[in-house]
Every structure is written in C-alpha cells, then in structure tokens.
Amino acid sequence: MSSKPTLHVLEGKDKLLVVSLENVTPAFANSIRRALISEVPTLAIDEVIFTENTSGFWDEYIAHRLGLIPFKMSEDLYDALRDCYQNHGNECQVVFSLNEEALERPKTVFSGHLRFEGIEGIMFEKERNEVIVEPVSKYIPIVKLNKGQKIALTAIARMGVGKNHAKWQPVTAVGYKYKPIVKVLNPEVPEEKANKLINICPRRVFGYTQGRIVVINENACSLCRECVEKYPDIVRVEGDPSKIILTIETLGGLPPRKLLEVALEVLDERLSALHDKISDALNAFLAPAPPEAPSGGGQSF
C-alpha cells in the first residue's frame, strides 16, 4: 500500500465540502483546519466613514455589523485581490456606499442596500452595469430606522486573515474525525432489540433488513460509541487514525474547494520558507571556520 497522501471527495455542495484524507496524520489534518480558519485571506469591511447617522445605533455598532457581512465574488477577482494583498498589503480595496432614509414609516436597512462603487488598486474588467462584489445574502439586517431617521456612509472593504480578526474567517466551521470502522458482530437479532440499537445511534448508521442488522452509513458515525456501550456483543466501532474525514462549511463567499486549495498553498509556502531557514542555519553551522590571522609582533596600520 502506498504511503503517499491521497484525497477523495465524499460530498460537495455550494457551502459544504467533505473529503477523505488517507495516509495522513491527525496533525496534518489539524494544520489544514487551522490554515482554513486563520490563514486564508478573504474580504471584509475594514473602515467605515459616516456622513450622517440619526439612527438609534452609534457609529461603532453599525461599523461592527458591517464588518461581519460576508461577500461573494468570482474566483478570478479573488485571486487578483489576494495577490495584491500578499504583495502590496492594503493598497487594494473595494468601496461600497450606503444611503437610506425612513421617509413615511420605519425601515430596516439590509445588506442588500449596500451599493458597490468600485475597486481601487487593481485593474479588473467587468461588463457594463455588472456588480462583481456583493453580500452573500441581501437580507442581513444592519440597522432599523424610525420615521425621519437617515444613515449615509462609505464602507471600505480590504483583504485580511482570520488570525487578525474573526470577520476575515472564510469558513463557519471546520472539523475532522478518524474514519469510522463499524462492524456488526452478531447481525441476526430480534427485531425489537435491533430497533433499540438503531434508535440509540443519533446519526442513523444502522438499518434492519431481512432479519439482520446492517451498516447503512458508516461515514456518518461520530464515534460516540454509545451503541458499543449498550450492545458490545452486537457491534464494534473503531476509528482509523491514518484516514481522516475533513468537513468544511463556508460562508458562501467562495466555493469550499477553492478555500481548500488556498489553504494547501499557504501550508506549502510556510513549509518551503521553514525548509529554507533550516538549510541556511545548517549551512552556516557546518561552514568551515575562517582562517586565523597570522600572529606577529608588528603593528598593522
């Protein structure tokens, strides 16, 4: 069996990706998890300039809410913003405006009221009247205005990473577990007892057909082992530490596949930099000592 790490996609949706990693260690899976949470750059509102705010919320409160709004964009634009962020810092930014007033009745201002104004720092072509950066959802509430109240502001979004602030985390949750190995030791049991076993499992791993207990969804097992505690003579549950099931849930700004690719690129860059530093340190340590200066009683000028 090859010891080379492999990856298999078990489930893929717009905001969810489940993959199986084989021939890896839990430490490796955890490094991917940490990179997804804290090292993958994403876009978030970082500065808000208020020109008018007569709502019941103070400026800082509204700015904090704006900062937590996730944005979606094309992968090409994301790559351009990420490249600018890595090479030029905060020179690239996306500008939005918000100008809403409750005229005749109270009004709730949503994320969909943010108006995309443009991108500064990079050249990115777009079709006429095309909005290329927008909130993931148009219905995230920002503030509620009473009759006669108004809010007007300019919001500047920049790239950043989750280790600096939670608003730059591109994922909602990332978790991993050992691949479950579920075996039925004694499949032929009375139906009443089988139903009790089936109902104990919160993940519906077991089924009952033709008088036999069968495993219908092994990967769904959470390794809680409650079934083993109650029925050790019927089932056995173990986890394989060399096979990891990694689950990635995103905010919807980018496909989880793209975020996983970026996380692996970040890890590769960090390991390459570490390798270079270790090589430089070893070369300096093993380098021959410089020859000693000849001794003599004369003076040098």
C-alpha atoms as a PDB file:
ATOM      1  CA  MET A   1       0.000   0.000   0.000  1.00  0.00           C
ATOM      2  CA  SER A   2       1.345   3.403  -0.966  1.00  0.00           C
ATOM      3  CA  SER A   3       2.217   5.827   1.818  1.00  0.00           C
ATOM      4  CA  LYS A   4       1.537   8.842  -0.389  1.00  0.00           C
ATOM      5  CA  PRO A   5      -1.286  11.034   0.960  1.00  0.00           C
ATOM      6  CA  THR A   6      -4.482  10.885  -1.071  1.00  0.00           C
ATOM      7  CA  LEU A   7      -7.734  12.872  -1.069  1.00  0.00           C
ATOM      8  CA  HIS A   8     -11.207  11.728  -2.077  1.00  0.00           C
ATOM      9  CA  VAL A   9     -14.300  13.929  -2.208  1.00  0.00           C
ATOM     10  CA  LEU A  10     -17.194  12.372  -0.297  1.00  0.00           C
ATOM     11  CA  GLU A  11     -19.680  15.241  -0.588  1.00  0.00           C
ATOM     12  CA  GLY A  12     -19.601  18.591  -2.342  1.00  0.00           C
ATOM     13  CA  LYS A  13     -22.154  21.414  -2.234  1.00  0.00           C
ATOM     14  CA  ASP A  14     -22.141  25.199  -2.582  1.00  0.00           C
ATOM     15  CA  LYS A  15     -21.181  25.752   1.060  1.00  0.00           C
ATOM     16  CA  LEU A  16     -20.107  22.272   2.153  1.00  0.00           C
ATOM     17  CA  LEU A  17     -17.212  20.002   1.281  1.00  0.00           C
ATOM     18  CA  VAL A  18     -16.472  16.638   2.889  1.00  0.00           C
ATOM     19  CA  VAL A  19     -13.235  14.909   1.909  1.00  0.00           C
ATOM     20  CA  SER A  20     -11.429  11.767   2.985  1.00  0.00           C
ATOM     21  CA  LEU A  21      -7.685  12.073   3.595  1.00  0.00           C
ATOM     22  CA  GLU A  22      -5.727   8.820   3.602  1.00  0.00           C
ATOM     23  CA  ASN A  23      -2.157   8.080   4.713  1.00  0.00           C
ATOM     24  CA  VAL A  24      -2.038  11.263   6.781  1.00  0.00           C
ATOM     25  CA  THR A  25      -1.712  12.075  10.479  1.00  0.00           C
ATOM     26  CA  PRO A  26      -4.217  13.946  12.660  1.00  0.00           C
ATOM     27  CA  ALA A  27      -1.604  16.713  12.980  1.00  0.00           C
ATOM     28  CA  PHE A  28      -1.643  17.182   9.204  1.00  0.00           C
ATOM     29  CA  ALA A  29      -5.450  17.397   9.137  1.00  0.00           C
ATOM     30  CA  ASN A  30      -5.351  19.887  12.001  1.00  0.00           C
ATOM     31  CA  SER A  31      -2.850  22.064  10.130  1.00  0.00           C
ATOM     32  CA  ILE A  32      -5.324  22.270   7.227  1.00  0.00           C
ATOM     33  CA  ARG A  33      -8.117  23.155   9.648  1.00  0.00           C
ATOM     34  CA  ARG A  34      -6.070  25.927  11.260  1.00  0.00           C
ATOM     35  CA  ALA A  35      -4.988  27.307   7.868  1.00  0.00           C
ATOM     36  CA  LEU A  36      -8.616  27.477   6.693  1.00  0.00           C
ATOM     37  CA  ILE A  37      -9.658  29.385   9.810  1.00  0.00           C
ATOM     38  CA  SER A  38      -6.752  31.772  10.267  1.00  0.00           C
ATOM     39  CA  GLU A  39      -4.523  31.928   7.184  1.00  0.00           C
ATOM     40  CA  VAL A  40      -6.765  32.051   4.084  1.00  0.00           C
ATOM     41  CA  PRO A  41      -7.282  35.706   3.031  1.00  0.00           C
ATOM     42  CA  THR A  42     -10.816  36.942   2.469  1.00  0.00           C
ATOM     43  CA  LEU A  43     -12.648  40.241   2.033  1.00  0.00           C
ATOM     44  CA  ALA A  44     -14.404  42.182   4.798  1.00  0.00           C
ATOM     45  CA  ILE A  45     -15.339  45.786   5.536  1.00  0.00           C
ATOM     46  CA  ASP A  46     -12.463  47.294   7.493  1.00  0.00           C
ATOM     47  CA  GLU A  47     -13.231  51.024   7.547  1.00  0.00           C
ATOM     48  CA  VAL A  48     -16.490  52.977   7.616  1.00  0.00           C
ATOM     49  CA  ILE A  49     -16.785  56.713   7.006  1.00  0.00           C
ATOM     50  CA  PHE A  50     -20.077  58.149   8.252  1.00  0.00           C
ATOM     51  CA  THR A  51     -21.509  61.319   6.744  1.00  0.00           C
ATOM     52  CA  GLU A  52     -24.855  61.091   8.559  1.00  0.00           C
ATOM     53  CA  ASN A  53     -26.313  58.804  11.209  1.00  0.00           C
ATOM     54  CA  THR A  54     -29.509  59.747  13.032  1.00  0.00           C
ATOM     55  CA  SER A  55     -30.459  56.153  13.855  1.00  0.00           C
ATOM     56  CA  GLY A  56     -30.682  54.734  17.367  1.00  0.00           C
ATOM     57  CA  PHE A  57     -27.304  52.952  16.978  1.00  0.00           C
ATOM     58  CA  TRP A  58     -23.970  54.671  17.392  1.00  0.00           C
ATOM     59  CA  ASP A  59     -21.385  54.619  14.591  1.00  0.00           C
ATOM     60  CA  GLU A  60     -19.124  51.926  16.087  1.00  0.00           C
ATOM     61  CA  TYR A  61     -22.020  49.488  16.499  1.00  0.00           C
ATOM     62  CA  ILE A  62     -23.055  49.828  12.862  1.00  0.00           C
ATOM     63  CA  ALA A  63     -19.446  49.589  11.669  1.00  0.00           C
ATOM     64  CA  HIS A  64     -19.054  46.327  13.600  1.00  0.00           C
ATOM     65  CA  ARG A  65     -22.170  44.888  11.964  1.00  0.00           C
ATOM     66  CA  LEU A  66     -20.935  45.908   8.528  1.00  0.00           C
ATOM     67  CA  GLY A  67     -17.601  44.225   9.175  1.00  0.00           C
ATOM     68  CA  LEU A  68     -19.301  40.861   9.749  1.00  0.00           C
ATOM     69  CA  ILE A  69     -21.120  40.827   6.393  1.00  0.00           C
ATOM     70  CA  PRO A  70     -19.560  38.158   4.108  1.00  0.00           C
ATOM     71  CA  PHE A  71     -19.059  38.989   0.426  1.00  0.00           C
ATOM     72  CA  LYS A  72     -19.006  36.854  -2.706  1.00  0.00           C
ATOM     73  CA  MET A  73     -17.036  37.379  -5.901  1.00  0.00           C
ATOM     74  CA  SER A  74     -15.582  35.455  -8.817  1.00  0.00           C
ATOM     75  CA  GLU A  75     -12.523  33.291  -8.296  1.00  0.00           C
ATOM     76  CA  ASP A  76     -10.545  35.427 -10.783  1.00  0.00           C
ATOM     77  CA  LEU A  77     -11.245  38.590  -8.805  1.00  0.00           C
ATOM     78  CA  TYR A  78     -10.413  36.811  -5.558  1.00  0.00           C
ATOM     79  CA  ASP A  79      -7.045  35.703  -6.967  1.00  0.00           C
ATOM     80  CA  ALA A  80      -6.298  39.285  -8.063  1.00  0.00           C
ATOM     81  CA  LEU A  81      -7.197  40.725  -4.641  1.00  0.00           C
ATOM     82  CA  ARG A  82      -5.245  38.012  -2.851  1.00  0.00           C
ATOM     83  CA  ASP A  83      -2.165  38.635  -4.977  1.00  0.00           C
ATOM     84  CA  CYS A  84      -2.405  42.363  -4.281  1.00  0.00           C
ATOM     85  CA  TYR A  85      -2.820  41.713  -0.550  1.00  0.00           C
ATOM     86  CA  GLN A  86       0.228  39.445  -0.382  1.00  0.00           C
ATOM     87  CA  ASN A  87       2.459  41.785  -2.369  1.00  0.00           C
ATOM     88  CA  HIS A  88       1.152  45.274  -1.595  1.00  0.00           C
ATOM     89  CA  GLY A  89      -0.725  44.995   1.696  1.00  0.00           C
ATOM     90  CA  ASN A  90      -3.786  47.251   1.957  1.00  0.00           C
ATOM     91  CA  GLU A  91      -3.291  49.127  -1.310  1.00  0.00           C
ATOM     92  CA  CYS A  92      -6.219  47.249  -2.882  1.00  0.00           C
ATOM     93  CA  GLN A  93      -9.707  47.875  -1.520  1.00  0.00           C
ATOM     94  CA  VAL A  94     -13.361  47.559  -2.506  1.00  0.00           C
ATOM     95  CA  VAL A  95     -15.624  50.546  -1.906  1.00  0.00           C
ATOM     96  CA  PHE A  96     -19.341  50.460  -1.029  1.00  0.00           C
ATOM     97  CA  SER A  97     -21.816  53.195  -0.200  1.00  0.00           C
ATOM     98  CA  LEU A  98     -24.994  53.193   1.849  1.00  0.00           C
ATOM     99  CA  ASN A  99     -27.593  55.965   1.780  1.00  0.00           C
ATOM    100  CA  GLU A 100     -31.003  55.116   3.240  1.00  0.00           C
ATOM    101  CA  GLU A 101     -33.761  57.145   4.909  1.00  0.00           C
ATOM    102  CA  ALA A 102     -37.085  56.217   6.511  1.00  0.00           C
ATOM    103  CA  LEU A 103     -39.480  58.702   4.965  1.00  0.00           C
ATOM    104  CA  GLU A 104     -43.055  57.683   5.781  1.00  0.00           C
ATOM    105  CA  ARG A 105     -42.663  54.620   8.032  1.00  0.00           C
ATOM    106  CA  PRO A 106     -39.928  52.692   9.911  1.00  0.00           C
ATOM    107  CA  LYS A 107     -37.453  50.942   7.644  1.00  0.00           C
ATOM    108  CA  THR A 108     -34.953  48.115   8.115  1.00  0.00           C
ATOM    109  CA  VAL A 109     -31.661  48.614   6.292  1.00  0.00           C
ATOM    110  CA  PHE A 110     -30.311  45.327   4.938  1.00  0.00           C
ATOM    111  CA  SER A 111     -27.004  44.260   3.437  1.00  0.00           C
ATOM    112  CA  GLY A 112     -28.690  44.375   0.040  1.00  0.00           C
ATOM    113  CA  HIS A 113     -28.856  48.166   0.332  1.00  0.00           C
ATOM    114  CA  LEU A 114     -25.052  48.374   0.106  1.00  0.00           C
ATOM    115  CA  ARG A 115     -24.077  49.753  -3.288  1.00  0.00           C
ATOM    116  CA  PHE A 116     -20.879  48.574  -4.955  1.00  0.00           C
ATOM    117  CA  GLU A 117     -18.849  51.599  -6.073  1.00  0.00           C
ATOM    118  CA  GLY A 118     -15.647  50.072  -7.424  1.00  0.00           C
ATOM    119  CA  ILE A 119     -12.241  48.586  -6.721  1.00  0.00           C
ATOM    120  CA  GLU A 120      -9.124  50.601  -6.020  1.00  0.00           C
ATOM    121  CA  GLY A 121      -5.578  49.336  -6.527  1.00  0.00           C
ATOM    122  CA  ILE A 122      -6.095  46.802  -9.335  1.00  0.00           C
ATOM    123  CA  MET A 123      -7.476  46.833 -12.860  1.00  0.00           C
ATOM    124  CA  PHE A 124     -10.297  44.344 -13.261  1.00  0.00           C
ATOM    125  CA  GLU A 125     -12.579  44.439 -16.270  1.00  0.00           C
ATOM    126  CA  LYS A 126     -16.297  43.925 -15.849  1.00  0.00           C
ATOM    127  CA  GLU A 127     -19.313  44.060 -18.084  1.00  0.00           C
ATOM    128  CA  ARG A 128     -21.450  47.173 -18.104  1.00  0.00           C
ATOM    129  CA  ASN A 129     -23.654  47.529 -15.015  1.00  0.00           C
ATOM    130  CA  GLU A 130     -22.245  44.293 -13.580  1.00  0.00           C
ATOM    131  CA  VAL A 131     -21.792  44.143  -9.796  1.00  0.00           C
ATOM    132  CA  ILE A 132     -18.739  41.993  -9.178  1.00  0.00           C
ATOM    133  CA  VAL A 133     -18.647  42.119  -5.358  1.00  0.00           C
ATOM    134  CA  GLU A 134     -21.821  41.791  -3.327  1.00  0.00           C
ATOM    135  CA  PRO A 135     -23.001  40.423   0.035  1.00  0.00           C
ATOM    136  CA  VAL A 136     -23.586  36.695   0.246  1.00  0.00           C
ATOM    137  CA  SER A 137     -27.142  37.466   1.352  1.00  0.00           C
ATOM    138  CA  LYS A 138     -29.194  40.587   0.687  1.00  0.00           C
ATOM    139  CA  TYR A 139     -31.210  40.140   3.879  1.00  0.00           C
ATOM    140  CA  ILE A 140     -28.645  40.593   6.656  1.00  0.00           C
ATOM    141  CA  PRO A 141     -30.089  43.373   8.894  1.00  0.00           C
ATOM    142  CA  ILE A 142     -27.788  46.317   9.585  1.00  0.00           C
ATOM    143  CA  VAL A 143     -29.955  48.855  11.384  1.00  0.00           C
ATOM    144  CA  LYS A 144     -33.633  49.747  11.806  1.00  0.00           C
ATOM    145  CA  LEU A 145     -34.566  53.354  11.099  1.00  0.00           C
ATOM    146  CA  ASN A 146     -37.532  55.085  12.635  1.00  0.00           C
ATOM    147  CA  LYS A 147     -39.558  57.572  10.626  1.00  0.00           C
ATOM    148  CA  GLY A 148     -37.381  60.551   9.705  1.00  0.00           C
ATOM    149  CA  GLN A 149     -34.059  58.845  10.530  1.00  0.00           C
ATOM    150  CA  LYS A 150     -31.278  58.528   7.980  1.00  0.00           C
ATOM    151  CA  ILE A 151     -27.942  56.829   7.518  1.00  0.00           C
ATOM    152  CA  ALA A 152     -25.271  57.678   4.920  1.00  0.00           C
ATOM    153  CA  LEU A 153     -21.781  56.201   4.821  1.00  0.00           C
ATOM    154  CA  THR A 154     -18.903  54.889   2.749  1.00  0.00           C
ATOM    155  CA  ALA A 155     -17.614  51.396   3.596  1.00  0.00           C
ATOM    156  CA  ILE A 156     -14.140  50.245   2.542  1.00  0.00           C
ATOM    157  CA  ALA A 157     -13.502  46.507   2.370  1.00  0.00           C
ATOM    158  CA  ARG A 158      -9.989  45.060   2.467  1.00  0.00           C
ATOM    159  CA  MET A 159      -8.417  41.625   2.409  1.00  0.00           C
ATOM    160  CA  GLY A 160      -7.269  40.085   5.671  1.00  0.00           C
ATOM    161  CA  VAL A 161      -6.854  36.797   7.543  1.00  0.00           C
ATOM    162  CA  GLY A 162      -8.778  35.258  10.401  1.00  0.00           C
ATOM    163  CA  LYS A 163      -5.885  35.313  12.869  1.00  0.00           C
ATOM    164  CA  ASN A 164      -6.155  39.118  12.864  1.00  0.00           C
ATOM    165  CA  HIS A 165      -9.955  39.329  13.207  1.00  0.00           C
ATOM    166  CA  ALA A 166     -12.873  36.887  13.046  1.00  0.00           C
ATOM    167  CA  LYS A 167     -14.528  38.926  10.278  1.00  0.00           C
ATOM    168  CA  TRP A 168     -11.842  37.621   7.898  1.00  0.00           C
ATOM    169  CA  GLN A 169     -12.618  33.951   8.525  1.00  0.00           C
ATOM    170  CA  PRO A 170     -13.952  32.472   5.256  1.00  0.00           C
ATOM    171  CA  VAL A 171     -15.420  29.389   6.963  1.00  0.00           C
ATOM    172  CA  THR A 172     -18.149  28.875   9.536  1.00  0.00           C
ATOM    173  CA  ALA A 173     -16.877  25.540  10.816  1.00  0.00           C
ATOM    174  CA  VAL A 174     -14.084  23.110  10.011  1.00  0.00           C
ATOM    175  CA  GLY A 175     -13.792  19.758  11.728  1.00  0.00           C
ATOM    176  CA  TYR A 176     -12.228  16.363  11.250  1.00  0.00           C
ATOM    177  CA  LYS A 177     -12.515  12.883  12.677  1.00  0.00           C
ATOM    178  CA  TYR A 178     -10.957   9.469  12.239  1.00  0.00           C
ATOM    179  CA  LYS A 179     -12.642   7.427   9.534  1.00  0.00           C
ATOM    180  CA  PRO A 180     -15.158   5.209  11.354  1.00  0.00           C
ATOM    181  CA  ILE A 181     -14.883   1.439  11.068  1.00  0.00           C
ATOM    182  CA  VAL A 182     -18.225  -0.042  12.063  1.00  0.00           C
ATOM    183  CA  LYS A 183     -18.652  -3.798  12.212  1.00  0.00           C
ATOM    184  CA  VAL A 184     -21.686  -5.885  13.103  1.00  0.00           C
ATOM    185  CA  LEU A 185     -20.532  -8.855  15.178  1.00  0.00           C
ATOM    186  CA  ASN A 186     -23.926 -10.502  15.545  1.00  0.00           C
ATOM    187  CA  PRO A 187     -26.328  -9.337  12.800  1.00  0.00           C
ATOM    188  CA  GLU A 188     -29.148 -11.799  13.498  1.00  0.00           C
ATOM    189  CA  VAL A 189     -31.034 -10.385  16.479  1.00  0.00           C
ATOM    190  CA  PRO A 190     -34.741  -9.965  17.240  1.00  0.00           C
ATOM    191  CA  GLU A 191     -36.389  -7.002  15.566  1.00  0.00           C
ATOM    192  CA  GLU A 192     -37.264  -5.331  18.880  1.00  0.00           C
ATOM    193  CA  LYS A 193     -33.640  -5.377  20.020  1.00  0.00           C
ATOM    194  CA  ALA A 194     -32.453  -4.220  16.599  1.00  0.00           C
ATOM    195  CA  ASN A 195     -34.792  -1.217  16.713  1.00  0.00           C
ATOM    196  CA  LYS A 196     -33.424  -0.225  20.116  1.00  0.00           C
ATOM    197  CA  LEU A 197     -29.893  -0.315  18.711  1.00  0.00           C
ATOM    198  CA  ILE A 198     -30.908   1.665  15.618  1.00  0.00           C
ATOM    199  CA  ASN A 199     -32.627   4.339  17.717  1.00  0.00           C
ATOM    200  CA  ILE A 200     -29.636   4.730  20.040  1.00  0.00           C
ATOM    201  CA  CYS A 201     -27.480   5.991  17.182  1.00  0.00           C
ATOM    202  CA  PRO A 202     -28.158   9.726  16.539  1.00  0.00           C
ATOM    203  CA  ARG A 203     -26.598   9.505  13.077  1.00  0.00           C
ATOM    204  CA  ARG A 204     -28.709   6.597  11.789  1.00  0.00           C
ATOM    205  CA  VAL A 205     -25.696   4.448  10.953  1.00  0.00           C
ATOM    206  CA  PHE A 206     -27.568   1.145  11.264  1.00  0.00           C
ATOM    207  CA  GLY A 207     -30.530  -0.364   9.493  1.00  0.00           C
ATOM    208  CA  TYR A 208     -32.544  -3.585   9.722  1.00  0.00           C
ATOM    209  CA  THR A 209     -33.431  -5.671   6.714  1.00  0.00           C
ATOM    210  CA  GLN A 210     -34.426  -9.308   6.232  1.00  0.00           C
ATOM    211  CA  GLY A 211     -33.912 -10.030   9.922  1.00  0.00           C
ATOM    212  CA  ARG A 212     -30.367  -8.691  10.014  1.00  0.00           C
ATOM    213  CA  ILE A 213     -28.697  -5.516  11.324  1.00  0.00           C
ATOM    214  CA  VAL A 214     -26.713  -3.801   8.565  1.00  0.00           C
ATOM    215  CA  VAL A 215     -24.466  -0.747   8.355  1.00  0.00           C
ATOM    216  CA  ILE A 216     -26.075   1.782   6.003  1.00  0.00           C
ATOM    217  CA  ASN A 217     -23.989   4.939   6.584  1.00  0.00           C
ATOM    218  CA  GLU A 218     -20.589   4.174   8.079  1.00  0.00           C
ATOM    219  CA  ASN A 219     -19.030   7.612   7.438  1.00  0.00           C
ATOM    220  CA  ALA A 220     -21.851   9.334   9.337  1.00  0.00           C
ATOM    221  CA  CYS A 221     -20.720   7.716  12.594  1.00  0.00           C
ATOM    222  CA  SER A 222     -19.472  10.301  15.118  1.00  0.00           C
ATOM    223  CA  LEU A 223     -17.522   7.681  17.128  1.00  0.00           C
ATOM    224  CA  CYS A 224     -19.578   8.393  20.237  1.00  0.00           C
ATOM    225  CA  ARG A 225     -19.576   4.624  20.892  1.00  0.00           C
ATOM    226  CA  GLU A 226     -22.897   4.694  22.708  1.00  0.00           C
ATOM    227  CA  CYS A 227     -24.037   1.704  20.666  1.00  0.00           C
ATOM    228  CA  VAL A 228     -20.967  -0.246  21.796  1.00  0.00           C
ATOM    229  CA  GLU A 229     -21.591   0.627  25.455  1.00  0.00           C
ATOM    230  CA  LYS A 230     -25.151  -0.692  25.270  1.00  0.00           C
ATOM    231  CA  TYR A 231     -24.620  -3.614  22.873  1.00  0.00           C
ATOM    232  CA  PRO A 232     -20.930  -4.687  22.936  1.00  0.00           C
ATOM    233  CA  ASP A 233     -21.883  -8.193  21.803  1.00  0.00           C
ATOM    234  CA  ILE A 234     -23.559  -6.915  18.618  1.00  0.00           C
ATOM    235  CA  VAL A 235     -21.444  -4.063  17.193  1.00  0.00           C
ATOM    236  CA  ARG A 236     -17.883  -2.784  17.307  1.00  0.00           C
ATOM    237  CA  VAL A 237     -16.813   0.781  16.434  1.00  0.00           C
ATOM    238  CA  GLU A 238     -13.258   1.972  15.916  1.00  0.00           C
ATOM    239  CA  GLY A 239     -11.504   4.920  14.297  1.00  0.00           C
ATOM    240  CA  ASP A 240      -8.678   4.669  11.785  1.00  0.00           C
ATOM    241  CA  PRO A 241      -6.117   7.424  12.627  1.00  0.00           C
ATOM    242  CA  SER A 242      -4.457   7.095   9.203  1.00  0.00           C
ATOM    243  CA  LYS A 243      -7.703   8.058   7.439  1.00  0.00           C
ATOM    244  CA  ILE A 244      -9.259  11.412   8.264  1.00  0.00           C
ATOM    245  CA  ILE A 245     -12.676  12.769   7.235  1.00  0.00           C
ATOM    246  CA  LEU A 246     -12.452  16.554   6.934  1.00  0.00           C
ATOM    247  CA  THR A 247     -15.642  18.657   6.807  1.00  0.00           C
ATOM    248  CA  ILE A 248     -15.540  22.272   5.593  1.00  0.00           C
ATOM    249  CA  GLU A 249     -18.519  24.637   5.866  1.00  0.00           C
ATOM    250  CA  THR A 250     -18.118  28.072   4.285  1.00  0.00           C
ATOM    251  CA  LEU A 251     -19.896  31.419   4.470  1.00  0.00           C
ATOM    252  CA  GLY A 252     -20.716  31.228   0.763  1.00  0.00           C
ATOM    253  CA  GLY A 253     -18.241  33.814  -0.466  1.00  0.00           C
ATOM    254  CA  LEU A 254     -16.144  31.259  -2.325  1.00  0.00           C
ATOM    255  CA  PRO A 255     -16.564  27.539  -3.090  1.00  0.00           C
ATOM    256  CA  PRO A 256     -15.105  25.326  -0.343  1.00  0.00           C
ATOM    257  CA  ARG A 257     -12.930  23.656  -2.976  1.00  0.00           C
ATOM    258  CA  LYS A 258     -11.220  26.995  -3.677  1.00  0.00           C
ATOM    259  CA  LEU A 259     -10.653  27.678   0.010  1.00  0.00           C
ATOM    260  CA  LEU A 260      -9.096  24.239   0.486  1.00  0.00           C
ATOM    261  CA  GLU A 261      -6.753  24.855  -2.447  1.00  0.00           C
ATOM    262  CA  VAL A 262      -5.647  28.193  -0.988  1.00  0.00           C
ATOM    263  CA  ALA A 263      -5.131  26.637   2.460  1.00  0.00           C
ATOM    264  CA  LEU A 264      -2.874  23.957   0.968  1.00  0.00           C
ATOM    265  CA  GLU A 265      -0.942  26.623  -0.953  1.00  0.00           C
ATOM    266  CA  VAL A 266      -0.439  28.587   2.268  1.00  0.00           C
ATOM    267  CA  LEU A 267       0.863  25.493   4.062  1.00  0.00           C
ATOM    268  CA  ASP A 268       3.196  24.708   1.168  1.00  0.00           C
ATOM    269  CA  GLU A 269       4.608  28.244   1.235  1.00  0.00           C
ATOM    270  CA  ARG A 270       5.126  28.121   5.003  1.00  0.00           C
ATOM    271  CA  LEU A 271       6.875  24.738   4.831  1.00  0.00           C
ATOM    272  CA  SER A 272       9.112  25.930   1.977  1.00  0.00           C
ATOM    273  CA  ALA A 273      10.100  29.009   3.985  1.00  0.00           C
ATOM    274  CA  LEU A 274      10.818  26.837   7.040  1.00  0.00           C
ATOM    275  CA  HIS A 275      12.907  24.457   4.913  1.00  0.00           C
ATOM    276  CA  ASP A 276      14.968  27.369   3.574  1.00  0.00           C
ATOM    277  CA  LYS A 277      15.622  28.745   7.063  1.00  0.00           C
ATOM    278  CA  ILE A 278      16.702  25.342   8.366  1.00  0.00           C
ATOM    279  CA  SER A 279      19.013  24.854   5.364  1.00  0.00           C
ATOM    280  CA  ASP A 280      20.574  28.290   5.874  1.00  0.00           C
ATOM    281  CA  ALA A 281      21.124  27.590   9.576  1.00  0.00           C
ATOM    282  CA  LEU A 282      22.718  24.196   8.880  1.00  0.00           C
ATOM    283  CA  ASN A 283      24.955  25.613   6.168  1.00  0.00           C
ATOM    284  CA  ALA A 284      26.119  28.372   8.484  1.00  0.00           C
ATOM    285  CA  PHE A 285      26.813  25.878  11.262  1.00  0.00           C
ATOM    286  CA  LEU A 286      28.718  23.438   9.023  1.00  0.00           C
ATOM    287  CA  ALA A 287      30.677  26.078   7.134  1.00  0.00           C
ATOM    288  CA  PRO A 288      34.481  25.885   7.751  1.00  0.00           C
ATOM    289  CA  ALA A 289      35.823  28.377  10.217  1.00  0.00           C
ATOM    290  CA  PRO A 290      37.691  31.331   8.675  1.00  0.00           C
ATOM    291  CA  PRO A 291      41.460  31.040   8.819  1.00  0.00           C
ATOM    292  CA  GLU A 292      43.105  32.680  11.812  1.00  0.00           C
ATOM    293  CA  ALA A 293      45.116  35.816  11.217  1.00  0.00           C
ATOM    294  CA  PRO A 294      48.920  35.225  11.426  1.00  0.00           C
ATOM    295  CA  SER A 295      50.438  36.233  14.734  1.00  0.00           C
ATOM    296  CA  GLY A 296      53.286  38.693  14.816  1.00  0.00           C
ATOM    297  CA  GLY A 297      54.791  41.416  16.888  1.00  0.00           C
ATOM    298  CA  GLY A 298      54.500  44.096  14.249  1.00  0.00           C
ATOM    299  CA  GLN A 299      51.837  46.684  14.199  1.00  0.00           C
ATOM    300  CA  SER A 300      49.366  46.999  11.382  1.00  0.00           C
ATOM    301  CA  PHE A 301      48.208  50.302  10.068  1.00  0.00           C
END
